[in-house]
C-alpha atoms as a PDB file:
ATOM      1  CA  MET A   1     -16.874 195.908  95.159  1.00  0.00           C
ATOM      2  CA  LEU A   2     -15.230 194.226  92.200  1.00  0.00           C
ATOM      3  CA  ALA A   3     -12.075 195.472  90.497  1.00  0.00           C
ATOM      4  CA  LEU A   4     -10.865 194.054  87.222  1.00  0.00           C
ATOM      5  CA  PRO A   5      -7.267 194.479  86.062  1.00  0.00           C
ATOM      6  CA  VAL A   6      -7.129 196.488  82.827  1.00  0.00           C
ATOM      7  CA  ASP A   7      -4.483 198.009  80.597  1.00  0.00           C
ATOM      8  CA  ALA A   8      -5.236 201.649  79.873  1.00  0.00           C
ATOM      9  CA  GLN A   9      -3.248 203.640  77.378  1.00  0.00           C
ATOM     10  CA  CYS A  10      -4.222 206.011  74.612  1.00  0.00           C
ATOM     11  CA  ALA A  11      -3.985 204.609  71.093  1.00  0.00           C
ATOM     12  CA  MET A  12      -1.281 207.035  69.959  1.00  0.00           C
ATOM     13  CA  CYS A  13       0.985 206.355  72.946  1.00  0.00           C
ATOM     14  CA  ARG A  14       0.601 202.631  72.515  1.00  0.00           C
ATOM     15  CA  ALA A  15       1.393 202.809  68.783  1.00  0.00           C
ATOM     16  CA  VAL A  16       4.514 204.913  69.348  1.00  0.00           C
ATOM     17  CA  LEU A  17       5.809 202.780  72.194  1.00  0.00           C
ATOM     18  CA  GLU A  18       5.194 199.463  70.457  1.00  0.00           C
ATOM     19  CA  SER A  19       6.851 200.526  67.211  1.00  0.00           C
ATOM     20  CA  GLU A  20       9.881 202.121  68.895  1.00  0.00           C
ATOM     21  CA  GLN A  21      13.030 200.001  68.866  1.00  0.00           C
ATOM     22  CA  GLY A  22      14.869 202.100  71.449  1.00  0.00           C
ATOM     23  CA  GLN A  23      13.517 203.088  74.829  1.00  0.00           C
ATOM     24  CA  GLY A  24      14.108 206.826  74.410  1.00  0.00           C
ATOM     25  CA  THR A  25      10.476 207.633  73.651  1.00  0.00           C
ATOM     26  CA  ALA A  26       9.199 205.496  76.520  1.00  0.00           C
ATOM     27  CA  GLU A  27      11.547 207.220  78.959  1.00  0.00           C
ATOM     28  CA  GLY A  28      10.417 210.619  77.688  1.00  0.00           C
ATOM     29  CA  ILE A  29       6.751 209.754  78.157  1.00  0.00           C
ATOM     30  CA  ASN A  30       7.415 208.426  81.662  1.00  0.00           C
ATOM     31  CA  ASP A  31       9.340 211.590  82.587  1.00  0.00           C
ATOM     32  CA  GLY A  32       6.458 213.708  81.320  1.00  0.00           C
ATOM     33  CA  ILE A  33       3.963 211.769  83.414  1.00  0.00           C
ATOM     34  CA  VAL A  34       6.071 212.204  86.557  1.00  0.00           C
ATOM     35  CA  TYR A  35       6.459 215.935  85.839  1.00  0.00           C
ATOM     36  CA  LEU A  36       2.712 216.421  85.372  1.00  0.00           C
ATOM     37  CA  MET A  37       1.991 214.405  88.507  1.00  0.00           C
ATOM     38  CA  ALA A  38       4.441 216.364  90.690  1.00  0.00           C
ATOM     39  CA  ILE A  39       3.278 219.911  89.877  1.00  0.00           C
ATOM     40  CA  PRO A  40      -0.036 219.815  91.826  1.00  0.00           C
ATOM     41  CA  TYR A  41       1.706 218.410  94.903  1.00  0.00           C
ATOM     42  CA  ILE A  42       4.342 221.144  94.771  1.00  0.00           C
ATOM     43  CA  LEU A  43       1.695 223.856  94.431  1.00  0.00           C
ATOM     44  CA  ILE A  44      -0.453 222.501  97.274  1.00  0.00           C
ATOM     45  CA  GLY A  45       2.633 222.114  99.475  1.00  0.00           C
ATOM     46  CA  GLY A  46       3.664 225.704  98.759  1.00  0.00           C
ATOM     47  CA  VAL A  47       0.228 227.080  99.604  1.00  0.00           C
ATOM     48  CA  GLY A  48       0.124 224.953 102.754  1.00  0.00           C
ATOM     49  CA  TYR A  49       3.524 226.279 103.822  1.00  0.00           C
ATOM     50  CA  LEU A  50       2.433 229.882 103.264  1.00  0.00           C
ATOM     51  CA  ILE A  51      -0.703 229.341 105.345  1.00  0.00           C
ATOM     52  CA  TYR A  52       1.329 227.649 108.088  1.00  0.00           C
ATOM     53  CA  ARG A  53       3.860 230.492 108.123  1.00  0.00           C
ATOM     54  CA  LYS A  54       1.126 233.143 108.182  1.00  0.00           C
ATOM     55  CA  PHE A  55      -0.641 231.597 111.189  1.00  0.00           C
ATOM     56  CA  ASN A  56       2.602 230.997 113.112  1.00  0.00           C
ATOM     57  CA  THR A  57       3.755 234.599 112.749  1.00  0.00           C
ATOM     58  CA  LEU A  58       0.427 235.830 114.170  1.00  0.00           C
ATOM     59  CA  LYS A  59       0.925 233.877 117.414  1.00  0.00           C
ATOM     60  CA  LYS A  60       4.242 235.562 118.258  1.00  0.00           C
END
């Protein structure tokens, strides 16, 4: 019922990002997060497509 805004980040990531003068490390960490987030969606989409294709070929 009640949500509080919080900042969540592991201690090592926070230490690296706060001490870094350039933004290269931050961009690398963000790219890694996007990559890890995208893989399950790609796999589920691929399995869904294979199931869709299998059932559509049976109807013909």
